[in-house]
Structure formats: structure tokens, C-alpha cells
Amino acid sequence: MPSPKIQEILNELDSLINREKKYIELVATVEYLLNLIEPSKREKFKEALYDAETVEDVHELIKAIKIQLGIQGSRKYLLTLGEQ
């Protein structure tokens, strides 16, 4: 059994790894979603990703991407209605 000081350090490292892991997973998600955004808007979202400093920033970016994808989907839907 490690000493209390060593256990504290291990707990801190574990916490740090989990935070970084979550951030990496979120960034990978954003990278995937960026490929779904129309090319003319993609660069702005990439800039926002590179400017993100916290997990909360990345969560906000994901919300913005969802809105953009919704707009794109509704625009495409309206265009198909107009063609009928």
C-alpha cells in the first residue's frame, strides 16, 4: 500500500489524465463534426477549436456546430421542397 503522500500524487495524476482524456475525446468529436460543415464555414469553426482553452469552450463549440448542422440540414430540406 503506498504512503498517503504517494496516494495523493497518484490521485492527482489520475484526475489530470481523466480531464485530458475527456478534452482529447471532445476535440476528436469536433474534428469529425467539422468535416460535416460546409466548406465555406469550416475555417471559422476550426479557428474556434484552436482558440478553445477549456473543456467548457469545446462544449460550447459543439453546441455551435450542432446549430450550424441544423441550419445546413434545414436549408437542404427547403431546397428539396422547392424542387418538387
C-alpha atoms as a PDB file:
ATOM      1  CA  MET A   1       0.000   0.000   0.000  1.00  0.00           C
ATOM      2  CA  PRO A   2       1.524   3.352  -0.994  1.00  0.00           C
ATOM      3  CA  SER A   3       2.065   6.052   1.573  1.00  0.00           C
ATOM      4  CA  PRO A   4      -0.644   8.735   1.892  1.00  0.00           C
ATOM      5  CA  LYS A   5       1.543  11.276   0.079  1.00  0.00           C
ATOM      6  CA  ILE A   6       2.180   8.904  -2.841  1.00  0.00           C
ATOM      7  CA  GLN A   7      -1.518   8.012  -2.950  1.00  0.00           C
ATOM      8  CA  GLU A   8      -2.390  11.719  -3.106  1.00  0.00           C
ATOM      9  CA  ILE A   9       0.011  12.212  -6.019  1.00  0.00           C
ATOM     10  CA  LEU A  10      -1.447   9.173  -7.808  1.00  0.00           C
ATOM     11  CA  ASN A  11      -4.963  10.509  -7.315  1.00  0.00           C
ATOM     12  CA  GLU A  12      -3.957  13.891  -8.728  1.00  0.00           C
ATOM     13  CA  LEU A  13      -2.334  12.229 -11.749  1.00  0.00           C
ATOM     14  CA  ASP A  14      -5.408  10.088 -12.323  1.00  0.00           C
ATOM     15  CA  SER A  15      -7.615  13.166 -12.179  1.00  0.00           C
ATOM     16  CA  LEU A  16      -5.365  15.021 -14.623  1.00  0.00           C
ATOM     17  CA  ILE A  17      -5.332  12.079 -17.028  1.00  0.00           C
ATOM     18  CA  ASN A  18      -9.126  11.846 -16.947  1.00  0.00           C
ATOM     19  CA  ARG A  19      -9.502  15.586 -17.675  1.00  0.00           C
ATOM     20  CA  GLU A  20      -7.035  15.413 -20.548  1.00  0.00           C
ATOM     21  CA  LYS A  21      -8.683  12.258 -21.885  1.00  0.00           C
ATOM     22  CA  LYS A  22     -12.077  13.988 -21.917  1.00  0.00           C
ATOM     23  CA  TYR A  23     -10.586  17.019 -23.695  1.00  0.00           C
ATOM     24  CA  ILE A  24      -8.947  14.790 -26.326  1.00  0.00           C
ATOM     25  CA  GLU A  25     -12.217  12.917 -26.894  1.00  0.00           C
ATOM     26  CA  LEU A  26     -14.082  16.198 -27.321  1.00  0.00           C
ATOM     27  CA  VAL A  27     -11.515  17.566 -29.752  1.00  0.00           C
ATOM     28  CA  ALA A  28     -11.729  14.355 -31.789  1.00  0.00           C
ATOM     29  CA  THR A  29     -15.510  14.732 -31.868  1.00  0.00           C
ATOM     30  CA  VAL A  30     -15.212  18.310 -33.061  1.00  0.00           C
ATOM     31  CA  GLU A  31     -12.704  17.305 -35.743  1.00  0.00           C
ATOM     32  CA  TYR A  32     -15.199  14.747 -37.032  1.00  0.00           C
ATOM     33  CA  LEU A  33     -18.096  17.233 -36.951  1.00  0.00           C
ATOM     34  CA  LEU A  34     -16.014  19.841 -38.763  1.00  0.00           C
ATOM     35  CA  ASN A  35     -15.972  17.570 -41.786  1.00  0.00           C
ATOM     36  CA  LEU A  36     -19.781  17.760 -41.912  1.00  0.00           C
ATOM     37  CA  ILE A  37     -19.827  21.555 -42.050  1.00  0.00           C
ATOM     38  CA  GLU A  38     -19.989  23.175 -45.447  1.00  0.00           C
ATOM     39  CA  PRO A  39     -16.506  24.221 -46.576  1.00  0.00           C
ATOM     40  CA  SER A  40     -17.266  27.952 -46.667  1.00  0.00           C
ATOM     41  CA  LYS A  41     -17.938  27.958 -42.902  1.00  0.00           C
ATOM     42  CA  ARG A  42     -15.475  25.298 -41.794  1.00  0.00           C
ATOM     43  CA  GLU A  43     -12.459  27.575 -41.282  1.00  0.00           C
ATOM     44  CA  LYS A  44     -14.219  29.735 -38.664  1.00  0.00           C
ATOM     45  CA  PHE A  45     -15.096  26.661 -36.638  1.00  0.00           C
ATOM     46  CA  LYS A  46     -11.516  25.381 -36.908  1.00  0.00           C
ATOM     47  CA  GLU A  47     -10.271  28.710 -35.573  1.00  0.00           C
ATOM     48  CA  ALA A  48     -12.692  28.433 -32.668  1.00  0.00           C
ATOM     49  CA  LEU A  49     -11.398  24.944 -31.896  1.00  0.00           C
ATOM     50  CA  TYR A  50      -7.792  26.131 -31.866  1.00  0.00           C
ATOM     51  CA  ASP A  51      -8.773  29.050 -29.620  1.00  0.00           C
ATOM     52  CA  ALA A  52     -10.605  26.805 -27.129  1.00  0.00           C
ATOM     53  CA  GLU A  53      -8.796  26.690 -23.820  1.00  0.00           C
ATOM     54  CA  THR A  54     -11.099  24.580 -21.651  1.00  0.00           C
ATOM     55  CA  VAL A  55     -13.453  21.644 -21.905  1.00  0.00           C
ATOM     56  CA  GLU A  56     -16.311  24.104 -21.483  1.00  0.00           C
ATOM     57  CA  ASP A  57     -15.101  26.033 -24.543  1.00  0.00           C
ATOM     58  CA  VAL A  58     -15.156  22.838 -26.583  1.00  0.00           C
ATOM     59  CA  HIS A  59     -18.669  22.033 -25.325  1.00  0.00           C
ATOM     60  CA  GLU A  60     -19.812  25.475 -26.482  1.00  0.00           C
ATOM     61  CA  LEU A  61     -18.199  24.876 -29.861  1.00  0.00           C
ATOM     62  CA  ILE A  62     -20.039  21.569 -30.201  1.00  0.00           C
ATOM     63  CA  LYS A  63     -23.314  23.400 -29.498  1.00  0.00           C
ATOM     64  CA  ALA A  64     -22.492  25.925 -32.230  1.00  0.00           C
ATOM     65  CA  ILE A  65     -21.624  23.136 -34.671  1.00  0.00           C
ATOM     66  CA  LYS A  66     -24.941  21.418 -33.931  1.00  0.00           C
ATOM     67  CA  ILE A  67     -26.753  24.650 -34.742  1.00  0.00           C
ATOM     68  CA  GLN A  68     -24.779  25.039 -37.970  1.00  0.00           C
ATOM     69  CA  LEU A  69     -25.525  21.459 -38.997  1.00  0.00           C
ATOM     70  CA  GLY A  70     -29.207  22.047 -38.246  1.00  0.00           C
ATOM     71  CA  ILE A  71     -29.193  25.139 -40.441  1.00  0.00           C
ATOM     72  CA  GLN A  72     -27.486  23.227 -43.230  1.00  0.00           C
ATOM     73  CA  GLY A  73     -29.989  20.379 -42.939  1.00  0.00           C
ATOM     74  CA  SER A  74     -32.997  22.679 -42.975  1.00  0.00           C
ATOM     75  CA  ARG A  75     -31.596  24.598 -45.949  1.00  0.00           C
ATOM     76  CA  LYS A  76     -31.113  21.338 -47.850  1.00  0.00           C
ATOM     77  CA  TYR A  77     -34.641  20.226 -46.905  1.00  0.00           C
ATOM     78  CA  LEU A  78     -36.158  23.500 -48.114  1.00  0.00           C
ATOM     79  CA  LEU A  79     -34.261  23.238 -51.380  1.00  0.00           C
ATOM     80  CA  THR A  80     -35.630  19.752 -51.985  1.00  0.00           C
ATOM     81  CA  LEU A  81     -39.161  21.016 -51.284  1.00  0.00           C
ATOM     82  CA  GLY A  82     -38.662  23.758 -53.847  1.00  0.00           C
ATOM     83  CA  GLU A  83     -37.648  21.232 -56.474  1.00  0.00           C
ATOM     84  CA  GLN A  84     -40.899  19.266 -56.163  1.00  0.00           C
END
